[in-house]
C-alpha cells in the first residue's frame, strides 16, 4: 500500500514547541528546520510527504518545488492551505493508497476525514518522527543502544567469577 503524508506547515510550526519558539524570531529558519525534519522522515519512513504552506495574503500563482526530495507547496493567491490540502487529498485518493494529513486544526481534520484521509495531530506526528529517529540510531549503532547483559559493568570481578562458577555447576 502506498502511503502519503500531507503536512499543514504553519500549523505544525505553531504546534511543535521547538519550532514555535523559533518562529517568533525567524520564521524562515523555522520553515527550513521543518523542511529538513520532514525530508529526513520521508527518507526513512518510505512515505511520500507533501508540505503545504499558506500564502493566502501573498499575490501569485502558488509555488511547488522539491527540496531534499520533499514536495513543498505554497498556495495560490486567495487560496488557503486547507483548500490546497483538501484538493491534494482528493487527487491522491485511490485504491491501495493511504493518506494521512498532519494538522491540529480540528475543522480541517473533520473535512479530510470525510474525504477518506486519516488525521494525524501535530503532537502525534512529532512522536512518530522521534520514534523513527530512535529506530534509525539503533540500526546504525546497535552496540550503544542494547547490551546483552546490562548488569555486567555493575558487578565487581569477584562476583562475576562466583556467578560464572555457579553457571558452570562448580
Protein backbone atom coordinates (compact mmCIF):
# COMPACT_ATOMS: atom_id res chain seq x y z
CA UNK A 1 0.00 0.00 0.00
CA UNK A 2 1.28 3.42 -0.98
CA UNK A 3 1.33 5.95 1.88
CA UNK A 4 1.18 9.73 1.67
CA UNK A 5 1.60 12.37 4.36
CA UNK A 6 0.29 15.88 3.78
CA UNK A 7 1.55 18.38 6.35
CA UNK A 8 -0.02 21.75 7.16
CA UNK A 9 3.29 23.59 7.56
CA UNK A 10 2.35 26.65 9.61
CA UNK A 11 0.02 24.62 11.81
CA UNK A 12 2.86 22.23 12.68
CA UNK A 13 5.33 25.09 13.23
CA UNK A 14 2.87 26.65 15.67
CA UNK A 15 2.24 23.34 17.46
CA UNK A 16 5.77 22.00 17.96
CA UNK A 17 7.48 23.78 20.89
CA UNK A 18 10.94 23.97 19.29
CA UNK A 19 9.63 25.46 16.03
CA UNK A 20 7.03 27.66 17.69
CA UNK A 21 9.69 29.38 19.76
CA UNK A 22 11.91 29.80 16.68
CA UNK A 23 9.12 31.26 14.50
CA UNK A 24 8.83 34.25 16.84
CA UNK A 25 12.36 35.33 15.94
CA UNK A 26 12.97 33.76 12.50
CA UNK A 27 10.01 32.28 10.59
CA UNK A 28 12.18 31.34 7.60
CA UNK A 29 14.53 29.34 9.84
CA UNK A 30 11.51 27.56 11.40
CA UNK A 31 10.28 26.65 7.88
CA UNK A 32 13.73 25.40 6.89
CA UNK A 33 14.00 23.26 10.02
CA UNK A 34 10.57 21.72 9.34
CA UNK A 35 11.56 21.02 5.73
CA UNK A 36 14.75 19.31 6.94
CA UNK A 37 12.90 17.23 9.57
CA UNK A 38 10.22 16.10 7.09
CA UNK A 39 12.73 15.34 4.32
CA UNK A 40 14.59 13.13 6.79
CA UNK A 41 11.33 11.48 7.90
CA UNK A 42 10.29 10.85 4.28
CA UNK A 43 13.59 9.11 3.57
CA UNK A 44 13.30 6.62 6.42
CA UNK A 45 9.52 6.18 6.58
CA UNK A 46 9.01 5.40 2.91
CA UNK A 47 6.01 7.78 2.78
CA UNK A 48 5.67 10.43 0.10
CA UNK A 49 5.46 13.71 2.04
CA UNK A 50 3.83 16.95 0.86
CA UNK A 51 4.48 20.06 2.94
CA UNK A 52 1.90 22.82 2.40
CA UNK A 53 2.42 26.47 3.35
CA UNK A 54 -0.31 29.07 3.28
CA UNK A 55 0.47 32.06 1.02
CA UNK A 56 -3.12 33.38 1.25
CA UNK A 57 -2.13 37.04 1.63
CA UNK A 58 0.66 36.84 -0.97
CA UNK A 59 -0.24 37.60 -4.62
CA UNK A 60 0.79 35.00 -7.17
CA UNK A 61 0.03 31.63 -8.69
CA UNK A 62 1.38 29.49 -5.89
CA UNK A 63 4.60 27.56 -5.98
CA UNK A 64 5.72 23.98 -5.89
CA UNK A 65 9.30 22.92 -5.55
CA UNK A 66 11.29 19.97 -4.32
CA UNK A 67 13.88 20.28 -1.59
CA UNK A 68 15.75 17.16 -0.46
CA UNK A 69 13.17 15.10 -2.41
CA UNK A 70 10.39 16.68 -0.31
CA UNK A 71 7.49 18.31 -2.17
CA UNK A 72 7.00 21.83 -0.74
CA UNK A 73 3.85 23.64 -1.92
CA UNK A 74 2.75 27.24 -1.41
CA UNK A 75 -0.90 28.10 -2.01
CA UNK A 76 -2.16 30.34 -4.81
CA UNK A 77 -3.43 33.85 -4.19
CA UNK A 78 -6.72 33.76 -2.24
CA UNK A 79 -6.31 30.03 -1.54
CA UNK A 80 -5.84 28.69 1.98
CA UNK A 81 -3.62 25.80 2.98
CA UNK A 82 -6.75 23.89 3.98
CA UNK A 83 -8.17 24.22 0.45
CA UNK A 84 -4.92 23.01 -1.12
CA UNK A 85 -4.72 20.10 1.35
CA UNK A 86 -8.31 19.08 0.54
CA UNK A 87 -7.54 19.22 -3.20
CA UNK A 88 -4.41 17.10 -2.69
CA UNK A 89 -6.38 14.50 -0.71
CA UNK A 90 -9.00 14.33 -3.48
CA UNK A 91 -6.33 14.00 -6.21
CA UNK A 92 -4.27 11.37 -4.35
CA UNK A 93 -7.19 9.23 -3.18
CA UNK A 94 -7.32 5.84 -4.82
CA UNK A 95 -7.08 2.11 -4.36
CA UNK A 96 -4.21 0.81 -2.28
CA UNK A 97 -3.37 4.31 -1.09
CA UNK A 98 -3.42 5.58 2.47
CA UNK A 99 -3.34 9.33 3.04
CA UNK A 100 -2.53 10.99 6.35
CA UNK A 101 -2.96 14.70 7.00
CA UNK A 102 -0.89 16.23 9.78
CA UNK A 103 -2.66 19.19 11.34
CA UNK A 104 -4.10 20.12 14.71
CA UNK A 105 -6.86 22.18 13.07
CA UNK A 106 -9.98 20.31 14.25
CA UNK A 107 -12.23 21.58 11.44
CA UNK A 108 -9.68 20.53 8.81
CA UNK A 109 -9.32 17.14 10.50
CA UNK A 110 -13.06 16.53 10.15
CA UNK A 111 -13.11 17.63 6.49
CA UNK A 112 -10.21 15.42 5.39
CA UNK A 113 -11.55 12.51 7.44
CA UNK A 114 -14.80 12.88 5.47
CA UNK A 115 -12.78 12.64 2.24
CA UNK A 116 -11.22 9.35 3.36
CA UNK A 117 -7.86 10.51 4.70
CA UNK A 118 -6.64 9.80 8.22
CA UNK A 119 -5.87 12.65 10.58
CA UNK A 120 -2.56 12.92 12.36
CA UNK A 121 -2.42 15.59 15.09
CA UNK A 122 0.81 17.63 15.31
CA UNK A 123 1.89 16.04 18.59
CA UNK A 124 1.40 12.53 17.24
CA UNK A 125 3.49 13.33 14.15
CA UNK A 126 6.30 14.58 16.40
CA UNK A 127 6.17 11.33 18.40
CA UNK A 128 6.31 9.27 15.15
CA UNK A 129 9.30 11.28 13.89
CA UNK A 130 11.19 10.93 17.19
CA UNK A 131 10.45 7.19 17.29
CA UNK A 132 11.71 6.78 13.71
CA UNK A 133 14.90 8.69 14.53
CA UNK A 134 15.48 6.42 17.53
CA UNK A 135 15.00 3.30 15.36
CA UNK A 136 17.48 4.62 12.79
CA UNK A 137 20.05 5.35 15.53
CA UNK A 138 19.61 1.82 16.89
CA UNK A 139 20.18 0.32 13.43
CA UNK A 140 23.28 2.43 12.85
CA UNK A 141 24.81 1.93 16.31
CA UNK A 142 23.31 -1.25 17.81
CA UNK A 143 26.19 -1.65 20.26
CA UNK A 144 25.36 1.62 22.04
CA UNK A 145 21.63 1.04 22.38
CA UNK A 146 21.39 -2.51 23.69
CA UNK A 147 23.81 -4.56 25.72
CA UNK A 148 23.49 -8.27 26.10
CA UNK A 149 23.97 -8.08 29.87
CA UNK A 150 23.03 -4.72 31.41
CA UNK A 151 24.43 -5.79 34.82
CA UNK A 152 27.86 -6.78 33.51
CA UNK A 153 29.62 -3.49 34.16
CA UNK A 154 27.88 -3.02 37.54
CA UNK A 155 29.40 -6.15 39.15
CA UNK A 156 32.92 -6.41 40.51
CA UNK A 157 35.27 -9.15 39.25
CA UNK A 158 34.91 -11.40 42.33
CA UNK A 159 31.12 -11.54 41.98
CA UNK A 160 31.42 -12.19 38.22
CA UNK A 161 33.80 -15.12 38.88
CA UNK A 162 31.44 -16.50 41.53
CA UNK A 163 28.46 -16.33 39.17
CA UNK A 164 30.48 -17.94 36.38
CA UNK A 165 31.43 -20.86 38.68
CA UNK A 166 27.76 -21.29 39.67
CA UNK A 167 26.74 -21.20 36.00
CA UNK A 168 29.21 -24.00 35.22
CA UNK A 169 27.98 -26.00 38.22
CA UNK A 170 31.28 -25.79 40.12
